[in-house]
Protein backbone atom coordinates (compact mmCIF):
# COMPACT_ATOMS: atom_id res chain seq x y z
CA MET A 1 177.70 99.82 109.77
CA PRO A 2 177.99 97.62 106.70
CA THR A 3 180.66 97.61 104.04
CA TYR A 4 179.26 98.12 100.54
CA GLU A 5 180.93 97.02 97.32
CA TYR A 6 180.84 99.26 94.26
CA GLN A 7 181.85 98.78 90.63
CA CYS A 8 182.20 101.45 87.95
CA ARG A 9 180.11 100.76 84.85
CA ASN A 10 182.53 102.83 82.78
CA CYS A 11 186.01 101.55 83.71
CA GLY A 12 185.25 98.44 85.82
CA HIS A 13 187.06 99.77 88.93
CA GLU A 14 185.91 98.04 92.14
CA LEU A 15 186.00 99.44 95.67
CA GLU A 16 184.56 98.85 99.12
CA GLU A 17 183.11 101.62 101.26
CA PHE A 18 182.19 101.52 104.96
CA GLN A 19 178.88 103.43 105.10
CA SER A 20 175.82 103.85 107.26
CA ILE A 21 172.63 102.22 106.00
CA THR A 22 170.97 105.64 105.76
CA GLU A 23 173.70 107.18 103.56
CA GLU A 24 173.07 107.64 99.85
CA PRO A 25 174.98 105.24 97.55
CA LEU A 26 178.17 106.56 95.98
CA VAL A 27 178.03 107.52 92.30
CA HIS A 28 181.40 109.20 91.54
CA CYS A 29 184.21 106.85 90.46
CA PRO A 30 187.58 107.88 91.95
CA GLU A 31 189.44 106.09 89.12
CA CYS A 32 187.92 107.55 85.94
CA GLY A 33 186.02 110.54 87.40
CA THR A 34 182.62 109.70 85.92
CA ASP A 35 179.34 109.34 87.83
CA SER A 36 178.85 105.69 86.92
CA LEU A 37 179.40 103.75 90.18
CA ALA A 38 176.89 101.02 90.95
CA ARG A 39 176.47 99.15 94.21
CA ILE A 40 176.97 95.43 93.68
CA ILE A 41 175.60 92.61 95.79
CA GLY A 42 178.36 91.13 97.89
CA GLY A 43 178.66 87.76 99.54
CA GLY A 44 178.55 89.27 102.99
CA ALA A 45 180.31 88.02 106.06
CA GLY A 46 179.66 85.10 108.33
CA LEU A 47 177.86 85.41 111.61
CA ILE A 48 180.23 86.44 114.40
CA PHE A 49 179.36 86.01 118.07
CA LYS A 50 181.03 88.53 120.37
CA GLY A 51 180.64 89.03 124.08
CA THR A 52 179.95 86.78 127.02
CA GLY A 53 177.51 83.92 126.87
CA PHE A 54 178.72 82.25 123.68
CA TYR A 55 180.83 79.14 123.88
CA LEU A 56 182.62 77.04 121.29
CA THR A 57 180.67 73.99 122.37
CA ASP A 58 177.24 75.60 121.88
CA TYR A 59 177.08 74.83 118.15
CA LYS A 60 179.67 72.09 117.85
CA LYS A 61 178.77 68.95 115.93
CA THR A 62 178.55 65.80 117.95
CA SER A 63 181.57 63.55 117.84
CA ALA A 64 181.55 60.20 116.06
CA SER A 65 181.97 58.28 119.33
CA SER A 66 178.78 59.71 120.87
CA SER A 67 176.73 58.90 117.76
CA LYS A 68 177.91 55.28 117.82
CA LYS A 69 176.45 54.84 121.29
CA ASP A 70 172.96 55.39 119.88
CA GLU A 71 173.34 52.69 117.21
CA LYS A 72 172.01 49.18 117.77
CA PRO A 73 174.63 46.43 118.14
CA PRO A 74 174.95 44.06 115.17
CA ALA A 75 172.88 40.90 115.28
CA SER A 76 174.64 37.84 116.62
CA PRO A 77 175.28 34.93 114.21
CA SER A 78 173.08 32.58 116.28
CA SER A 79 170.00 34.82 115.81
CA GLU A 80 170.27 34.80 112.00
CA LYS A 81 168.13 32.34 110.00
CA LYS A 82 169.87 29.72 107.91
C-alpha cells in the first residue's frame, strides 16, 4: 500500500496518508476543517529488494582495478616515431 501526500489548498497544511490504491482520495483537511485537500505528486521511494536471492554484489559497480586490466598498456618509447 502506497503512502500519498496531500496539501490543503486553503491553509497549506501538508500530510501523508497510508492508503490502498482503490481508496478514494482524502478531501477533508484536519487542520482548517475545509474540504480542500489535494493529492500532490511525491518523489516516491527508492527500489528496495527484500527476501532471499538478492546480493549486494549483484548491482555493484566494477572496481577501478578491474577496469584497468582491460586497458591497453602505454606504447614504449622505442615504438614512437621521431
